[in-house]
Amino acid sequence: MAVYLGNNKILDNGVAGTSLVLGHGETHGSSGTDPITPQSIGAAPAEHSHDYAPVPQLQTVTLPLSGWNSYDYGCTQTVSVTGMRGSSLAIIAAHPDSYDAYMAARVRCSVQGWGALTFAAKKLPLTDLSVNVMILGATS
């Protein structure tokens, strides 16, 4: 759609339906009367850096059958996990090869601490278990 004042087009349909006053955009060019710069519109300067979050740390730990401590209520085992901190967000899941045995023993991670995870199980697993650990915000 265009708007005319007499025979002069003063407004034209711009990109994606926006309206542009003819000649107005030229005032924002680098030599215009009102140039737009990255700073004037809140954009990051051309030379800048970012503080990125640490890359998630992925590892597989083994819960050996011989490492379980049995009690009346079940059993527990603590294993070393590189980069684990008490304040880290950890996502823990049975490795696909150990899934059935992990679920049958009702294993779960019960405590996380500095460099370690403690697992608890309702009953003693029948084999060594592999567990996938992803630590978000890990530091070595």
N, C-alpha and C. Protein backbone atom coordinates (compact mmCIF):
# COMPACT_ATOMS: atom_id res chain seq x y z
N MET A 1 0.84 -1.16 0.00
CA MET A 1 0.00 0.00 0.00
C MET A 1 0.89 1.23 0.00
N ALA A 2 0.54 2.22 -0.73
CA ALA A 2 1.28 3.47 -0.79
C ALA A 2 0.35 4.62 -0.43
N VAL A 3 0.92 5.67 0.13
CA VAL A 3 0.16 6.87 0.47
C VAL A 3 0.72 8.02 -0.36
N TYR A 4 -0.18 8.74 -1.00
CA TYR A 4 0.21 9.87 -1.84
C TYR A 4 -0.34 11.16 -1.26
N LEU A 5 0.44 12.22 -1.40
CA LEU A 5 -0.02 13.58 -1.11
C LEU A 5 0.01 14.29 -2.47
N GLY A 6 -1.16 14.41 -3.05
CA GLY A 6 -1.22 14.88 -4.44
C GLY A 6 -0.65 13.80 -5.31
N ASN A 7 0.33 14.16 -6.13
CA ASN A 7 0.99 13.18 -7.00
C ASN A 7 2.29 12.65 -6.40
N ASN A 8 2.61 13.06 -5.19
CA ASN A 8 3.86 12.64 -4.57
C ASN A 8 3.62 11.49 -3.59
N LYS A 9 4.35 10.39 -3.81
CA LYS A 9 4.27 9.24 -2.89
C LYS A 9 5.07 9.62 -1.64
N ILE A 10 4.42 9.61 -0.48
CA ILE A 10 5.11 9.97 0.76
C ILE A 10 5.29 8.78 1.71
N LEU A 11 4.55 7.69 1.49
CA LEU A 11 4.66 6.52 2.33
C LEU A 11 4.51 5.30 1.45
N ASP A 12 5.38 4.32 1.66
CA ASP A 12 5.33 3.11 0.86
C ASP A 12 5.39 1.90 1.78
N ASN A 13 4.82 0.78 1.32
CA ASN A 13 4.85 -0.45 2.08
C ASN A 13 6.28 -0.99 2.08
N GLY A 14 6.82 -1.21 3.27
CA GLY A 14 8.20 -1.67 3.37
C GLY A 14 8.29 -3.19 3.45
N VAL A 15 9.43 -3.65 3.87
CA VAL A 15 9.70 -5.08 3.99
C VAL A 15 8.79 -5.69 5.05
N ALA A 16 8.22 -6.83 4.73
CA ALA A 16 7.37 -7.59 5.64
C ALA A 16 6.22 -6.75 6.20
N GLY A 17 5.70 -5.86 5.37
CA GLY A 17 4.52 -5.11 5.76
C GLY A 17 4.81 -3.88 6.59
N THR A 18 6.08 -3.55 6.84
CA THR A 18 6.38 -2.34 7.59
C THR A 18 6.27 -1.13 6.68
N SER A 19 5.94 -0.01 7.23
CA SER A 19 5.82 1.21 6.43
C SER A 19 7.09 2.03 6.56
N LEU A 20 7.53 2.55 5.45
CA LEU A 20 8.73 3.37 5.43
C LEU A 20 8.38 4.73 4.84
N VAL A 21 8.69 5.76 5.56
CA VAL A 21 8.53 7.09 4.99
C VAL A 21 9.66 7.25 3.99
N LEU A 22 9.31 7.60 2.75
CA LEU A 22 10.33 7.69 1.70
C LEU A 22 11.42 8.67 2.11
N GLY A 23 12.66 8.23 1.96
CA GLY A 23 13.80 9.05 2.28
C GLY A 23 14.19 9.02 3.75
N HIS A 24 13.34 8.54 4.62
CA HIS A 24 13.63 8.54 6.06
C HIS A 24 14.81 7.64 6.40
N GLY A 25 14.87 6.45 5.80
CA GLY A 25 15.94 5.51 6.10
C GLY A 25 17.31 6.08 5.83
N GLU A 26 17.42 6.97 4.85
CA GLU A 26 18.71 7.55 4.51
C GLU A 26 19.27 8.40 5.65
N THR A 27 18.42 8.93 6.50
CA THR A 27 18.91 9.75 7.62
C THR A 27 19.66 8.90 8.65
N HIS A 28 19.42 7.56 8.64
CA HIS A 28 20.07 6.68 9.61
C HIS A 28 21.32 6.01 9.07
N GLY A 29 21.70 6.31 7.84
CA GLY A 29 22.94 5.78 7.26
C GLY A 29 24.15 6.39 7.95
N SER A 30 25.33 5.82 7.68
CA SER A 30 26.54 6.29 8.35
C SER A 30 26.84 7.76 8.09
N SER A 31 26.38 8.30 6.96
CA SER A 31 26.61 9.73 6.68
C SER A 31 25.33 10.54 6.84
N GLY A 32 24.28 9.95 7.41
CA GLY A 32 23.02 10.65 7.59
C GLY A 32 23.03 11.55 8.80
N THR A 33 21.93 12.26 9.00
CA THR A 33 21.83 13.20 10.12
C THR A 33 21.57 12.50 11.45
N ASP A 34 21.10 11.27 11.42
CA ASP A 34 20.78 10.51 12.63
C ASP A 34 21.25 9.06 12.45
N PRO A 35 22.60 8.86 12.35
CA PRO A 35 23.08 7.50 12.06
C PRO A 35 22.77 6.53 13.19
N ILE A 36 22.48 5.30 12.82
CA ILE A 36 22.25 4.23 13.81
C ILE A 36 23.57 3.48 13.97
N THR A 37 23.98 3.35 15.22
CA THR A 37 25.20 2.61 15.55
C THR A 37 24.81 1.46 16.46
N PRO A 38 25.66 0.43 16.58
CA PRO A 38 25.33 -0.65 17.51
C PRO A 38 25.06 -0.14 18.93
N GLN A 39 25.84 0.84 19.37
CA GLN A 39 25.66 1.37 20.72
C GLN A 39 24.32 2.08 20.87
N SER A 40 23.88 2.81 19.81
CA SER A 40 22.64 3.58 19.93
C SER A 40 21.40 2.71 19.99
N ILE A 41 21.51 1.45 19.55
CA ILE A 41 20.34 0.55 19.62
C ILE A 41 20.53 -0.57 20.64
N GLY A 42 21.60 -0.48 21.44
CA GLY A 42 21.82 -1.46 22.51
C GLY A 42 22.45 -2.76 22.06
N ALA A 43 23.00 -2.79 20.85
CA ALA A 43 23.66 -4.01 20.36
C ALA A 43 25.06 -4.13 20.96
N ALA A 44 25.58 -5.33 20.97
CA ALA A 44 26.93 -5.55 21.48
C ALA A 44 27.94 -4.90 20.54
N PRO A 45 29.01 -4.34 21.08
CA PRO A 45 30.04 -3.78 20.21
C PRO A 45 30.69 -4.89 19.38
N ALA A 46 31.31 -4.50 18.26
CA ALA A 46 31.92 -5.48 17.37
C ALA A 46 32.98 -6.31 18.08
N GLU A 47 33.74 -5.71 18.97
CA GLU A 47 34.76 -6.42 19.73
C GLU A 47 34.24 -6.66 21.15
N HIS A 48 33.87 -7.89 21.44
CA HIS A 48 33.39 -8.22 22.78
C HIS A 48 33.64 -9.70 23.05
N SER A 49 33.46 -10.10 24.30
CA SER A 49 33.66 -11.50 24.65
C SER A 49 32.51 -11.96 25.53
N HIS A 50 32.41 -13.27 25.69
CA HIS A 50 31.36 -13.87 26.51
C HIS A 50 31.97 -14.75 27.57
N ASP A 51 31.33 -14.80 28.72
CA ASP A 51 31.68 -15.78 29.74
C ASP A 51 30.72 -16.94 29.57
N TYR A 52 31.20 -18.00 28.96
CA TYR A 52 30.35 -19.15 28.69
C TYR A 52 30.29 -20.08 29.89
N ALA A 53 29.18 -20.73 30.04
CA ALA A 53 29.05 -21.74 31.09
C ALA A 53 29.96 -22.91 30.73
N PRO A 54 30.47 -23.61 31.72
CA PRO A 54 31.29 -24.78 31.42
C PRO A 54 30.50 -25.81 30.60
N VAL A 55 31.19 -26.49 29.73
CA VAL A 55 30.58 -27.54 28.92
C VAL A 55 30.17 -28.68 29.86
N PRO A 56 28.98 -29.24 29.68
CA PRO A 56 28.59 -30.38 30.54
C PRO A 56 29.63 -31.50 30.44
N GLN A 57 29.90 -32.10 31.57
CA GLN A 57 30.88 -33.19 31.64
C GLN A 57 30.13 -34.52 31.66
N LEU A 58 30.47 -35.37 30.71
CA LEU A 58 29.81 -36.68 30.60
C LEU A 58 30.79 -37.78 30.97
N GLN A 59 30.32 -38.73 31.74
CA GLN A 59 31.16 -39.88 32.08
C GLN A 59 30.28 -41.06 32.47
N THR A 60 30.87 -42.21 32.37
CA THR A 60 30.19 -43.43 32.81
C THR A 60 30.99 -43.99 33.98
N VAL A 61 30.30 -44.23 35.08
CA VAL A 61 30.95 -44.81 36.26
C VAL A 61 30.44 -46.22 36.47
N THR A 62 31.26 -47.03 37.10
CA THR A 62 30.89 -48.42 37.35
C THR A 62 30.59 -48.60 38.83
N LEU A 63 29.49 -49.25 39.11
CA LEU A 63 29.14 -49.66 40.47
C LEU A 63 29.44 -51.16 40.54
N PRO A 64 30.64 -51.52 41.03
CA PRO A 64 30.97 -52.95 41.05
C PRO A 64 30.12 -53.71 42.07
N LEU A 65 29.79 -54.91 41.74
CA LEU A 65 29.00 -55.77 42.63
C LEU A 65 29.67 -55.88 44.00
N SER A 66 30.99 -55.94 44.01
CA SER A 66 31.73 -56.10 45.27
C SER A 66 31.78 -54.82 46.10
N GLY A 67 31.32 -53.68 45.56
CA GLY A 67 31.41 -52.41 46.27
C GLY A 67 30.21 -52.05 47.13
N TRP A 68 29.18 -52.88 47.12
CA TRP A 68 27.96 -52.57 47.87
C TRP A 68 28.10 -52.91 49.35
N ASN A 69 27.58 -52.05 50.20
CA ASN A 69 27.50 -52.30 51.65
C ASN A 69 26.04 -52.63 51.95
N SER A 70 25.80 -53.82 52.47
CA SER A 70 24.43 -54.27 52.72
C SER A 70 23.97 -53.93 54.13
N TYR A 71 22.70 -53.55 54.23
CA TYR A 71 22.05 -53.22 55.50
C TYR A 71 20.68 -53.87 55.51
N ASP A 72 19.96 -53.77 56.60
CA ASP A 72 18.61 -54.34 56.68
C ASP A 72 17.67 -53.71 55.67
N TYR A 73 17.86 -52.44 55.39
CA TYR A 73 16.95 -51.70 54.52
C TYR A 73 17.36 -51.71 53.04
N GLY A 74 18.52 -52.27 52.72
CA GLY A 74 19.00 -52.28 51.34
C GLY A 74 20.51 -52.20 51.31
N CYS A 75 21.06 -51.51 50.36
CA CYS A 75 22.51 -51.40 50.27
C CYS A 75 22.90 -50.05 49.67
N THR A 76 24.16 -49.65 49.91
CA THR A 76 24.67 -48.38 49.40
C THR A 76 26.08 -48.59 48.86
N GLN A 77 26.46 -47.65 48.02
CA GLN A 77 27.81 -47.66 47.46
C GLN A 77 28.18 -46.23 47.07
N THR A 78 29.40 -45.82 47.42
CA THR A 78 29.91 -44.51 47.04
C THR A 78 31.02 -44.70 46.02
N VAL A 79 30.95 -43.93 44.92
CA VAL A 79 31.96 -44.02 43.87
C VAL A 79 32.51 -42.63 43.58
N SER A 80 33.76 -42.59 43.16
CA SER A 80 34.39 -41.33 42.76
C SER A 80 33.85 -40.87 41.41
N VAL A 81 33.57 -39.56 41.31
CA VAL A 81 33.09 -38.97 40.07
C VAL A 81 33.85 -37.67 39.86
N THR A 82 34.70 -37.64 38.85
CA THR A 82 35.51 -36.47 38.56
C THR A 82 34.63 -35.25 38.28
N GLY A 83 34.94 -34.15 38.95
CA GLY A 83 34.22 -32.90 38.70
C GLY A 83 32.93 -32.71 39.48
N MET A 84 32.51 -33.72 40.23
CA MET A 84 31.26 -33.61 40.98
C MET A 84 31.46 -32.69 42.18
N ARG A 85 30.47 -31.83 42.39
CA ARG A 85 30.45 -30.95 43.55
C ARG A 85 29.07 -31.05 44.18
N GLY A 86 28.97 -30.73 45.44
CA GLY A 86 27.67 -30.78 46.11
C GLY A 86 26.67 -29.83 45.49
N SER A 87 27.16 -28.75 44.90
CA SER A 87 26.27 -27.75 44.30
C SER A 87 26.05 -27.95 42.81
N SER A 88 26.68 -28.95 42.21
CA SER A 88 26.50 -29.20 40.77
C SER A 88 25.13 -29.78 40.49
N LEU A 89 24.64 -29.48 39.31
CA LEU A 89 23.43 -30.14 38.85
C LEU A 89 23.87 -31.39 38.12
N ALA A 90 23.43 -32.54 38.57
CA ALA A 90 23.84 -33.81 37.97
C ALA A 90 22.62 -34.55 37.44
N ILE A 91 22.77 -35.09 36.26
CA ILE A 91 21.72 -35.94 35.68
C ILE A 91 22.31 -37.34 35.63
N ILE A 92 21.63 -38.27 36.28
CA ILE A 92 22.15 -39.63 36.44
C ILE A 92 21.14 -40.62 35.88
N ALA A 93 21.63 -41.55 35.07
CA ALA A 93 20.74 -42.56 34.49
C ALA A 93 21.52 -43.85 34.28
N ALA A 94 20.82 -44.95 34.35
CA ALA A 94 21.46 -46.24 34.09
C ALA A 94 21.95 -46.27 32.64
N HIS A 95 23.14 -46.83 32.44
CA HIS A 95 23.63 -47.07 31.09
C HIS A 95 22.70 -48.09 30.46
N PRO A 96 22.41 -47.98 29.16
CA PRO A 96 21.47 -48.93 28.54
C PRO A 96 21.82 -50.40 28.78
N ASP A 97 23.12 -50.72 28.84
CA ASP A 97 23.52 -52.12 29.06
C ASP A 97 23.20 -52.60 30.48
N SER A 98 23.02 -51.67 31.41
CA SER A 98 22.75 -52.04 32.81
C SER A 98 21.32 -51.72 33.23
N TYR A 99 20.51 -51.23 32.32
CA TYR A 99 19.18 -50.72 32.68
C TYR A 99 18.33 -51.74 33.45
N ASP A 100 18.20 -52.93 32.92
CA ASP A 100 17.31 -53.93 33.56
C ASP A 100 17.77 -54.28 34.97
N ALA A 101 19.07 -54.51 35.15
CA ALA A 101 19.59 -54.85 36.48
C ALA A 101 19.48 -53.66 37.43
N TYR A 102 19.71 -52.46 36.92
CA TYR A 102 19.61 -51.22 37.71
C TYR A 102 18.18 -51.04 38.21
N MET A 103 17.22 -51.22 37.33
CA MET A 103 15.81 -51.06 37.71
C MET A 103 15.34 -52.19 38.62
N ALA A 104 15.78 -53.41 38.38
CA ALA A 104 15.37 -54.55 39.21
C ALA A 104 15.83 -54.37 40.66
N ALA A 105 17.02 -53.79 40.84
CA ALA A 105 17.54 -53.57 42.20
C ALA A 105 17.03 -52.26 42.80
N ARG A 106 16.30 -51.49 42.00
CA ARG A 106 15.74 -50.19 42.42
C ARG A 106 16.86 -49.25 42.91
N VAL A 107 17.87 -49.12 42.06
CA VAL A 107 19.02 -48.26 42.36
C VAL A 107 18.64 -46.81 42.11
N ARG A 108 19.17 -45.94 42.94
CA ARG A 108 19.01 -44.50 42.75
C ARG A 108 20.21 -43.80 43.35
N CYS A 109 20.48 -42.60 42.84
CA CYS A 109 21.54 -41.78 43.44
C CYS A 109 20.94 -41.11 44.66
N SER A 110 21.56 -41.29 45.80
CA SER A 110 20.98 -40.77 47.04
C SER A 110 21.73 -39.57 47.62
N VAL A 111 23.02 -39.44 47.30
CA VAL A 111 23.81 -38.34 47.83
C VAL A 111 24.85 -37.93 46.79
N GLN A 112 25.01 -36.61 46.64
CA GLN A 112 26.12 -36.14 45.81
C GLN A 112 27.00 -35.26 46.67
N GLY A 113 28.29 -35.36 46.44
CA GLY A 113 29.23 -34.58 47.23
C GLY A 113 30.46 -34.23 46.42
N TRP A 114 31.48 -33.78 47.10
CA TRP A 114 32.71 -33.34 46.45
C TRP A 114 33.43 -34.55 45.86
N GLY A 115 33.38 -34.69 44.55
CA GLY A 115 34.09 -35.76 43.85
C GLY A 115 33.47 -37.14 44.00
N ALA A 116 32.22 -37.22 44.45
CA ALA A 116 31.63 -38.55 44.68
C ALA A 116 30.12 -38.53 44.56
N LEU A 117 29.58 -39.68 44.27
CA LEU A 117 28.13 -39.93 44.31
C LEU A 117 27.91 -41.18 45.15
N THR A 118 26.85 -41.16 45.93
CA THR A 118 26.47 -42.35 46.69
C THR A 118 25.16 -42.86 46.11
N PHE A 119 25.14 -44.15 45.85
CA PHE A 119 23.96 -44.81 45.31
C PHE A 119 23.36 -45.71 46.37
N ALA A 120 22.06 -45.82 46.36
CA ALA A 120 21.35 -46.73 47.25
C ALA A 120 20.52 -47.67 46.39
N ALA A 121 20.31 -48.87 46.89
CA ALA A 121 19.50 -49.85 46.17
C ALA A 121 18.60 -50.57 47.17
N LYS A 122 17.42 -50.93 46.73
CA LYS A 122 16.48 -51.65 47.58
C LYS A 122 16.99 -53.07 47.85
N LYS A 123 17.61 -53.64 46.83
CA LYS A 123 18.21 -54.97 47.00
C LYS A 123 19.54 -55.01 46.24
N LEU A 124 20.38 -55.97 46.58
CA LEU A 124 21.70 -56.10 45.98
C LEU A 124 21.57 -56.41 44.48
N PRO A 125 22.19 -55.60 43.62
CA PRO A 125 22.17 -55.93 42.19
C PRO A 125 22.86 -57.27 41.94
N LEU A 126 22.55 -57.88 40.83
CA LEU A 126 23.11 -59.19 40.52
C LEU A 126 24.41 -59.11 39.73
N THR A 127 24.80 -57.90 39.33
CA THR A 127 25.99 -57.73 38.49
C THR A 127 26.55 -56.33 38.69
N ASP A 128 27.74 -56.07 38.13
CA ASP A 128 28.28 -54.72 38.09
C ASP A 128 27.32 -53.86 37.27
N LEU A 129 27.19 -52.60 37.65
CA LEU A 129 26.30 -51.69 36.93
C LEU A 129 27.08 -50.52 36.35
N SER A 130 26.71 -50.11 35.15
CA SER A 130 27.28 -48.92 34.54
C SER A 130 26.23 -47.81 34.63
N VAL A 131 26.68 -46.63 35.03
CA VAL A 131 25.78 -45.50 35.23
C VAL A 131 26.32 -44.29 34.48
N ASN A 132 25.46 -43.65 33.69
CA ASN A 132 25.84 -42.44 32.97
C ASN A 132 25.62 -41.24 33.87
N VAL A 133 26.61 -40.34 33.91
CA VAL A 133 26.55 -39.14 34.74
C VAL A 133 26.84 -37.94 33.85
N MET A 134 25.96 -36.95 33.89
CA MET A 134 26.21 -35.69 33.20
C MET A 134 26.19 -34.60 34.27
N ILE A 135 27.30 -33.86 34.37
CA ILE A 135 27.42 -32.80 35.35
C ILE A 135 27.35 -31.48 34.62
N LEU A 136 26.38 -30.64 35.00
CA LEU A 136 26.27 -29.31 34.44
C LEU A 136 26.99 -28.36 35.39
N GLY A 137 27.84 -27.53 34.85
CA GLY A 137 28.60 -26.60 35.68
C GLY A 137 29.77 -27.24 36.38
N ALA A 138 30.29 -28.33 35.81
CA ALA A 138 31.41 -29.05 36.43
C ALA A 138 32.69 -28.25 36.32
N THR A 139 33.53 -28.38 37.32
CA THR A 139 34.88 -27.83 37.29
C THR A 139 35.83 -28.96 37.58
N SER A 140 36.93 -28.98 36.86
CA SER A 140 37.89 -30.09 37.04
C SER A 140 38.73 -29.92 38.26
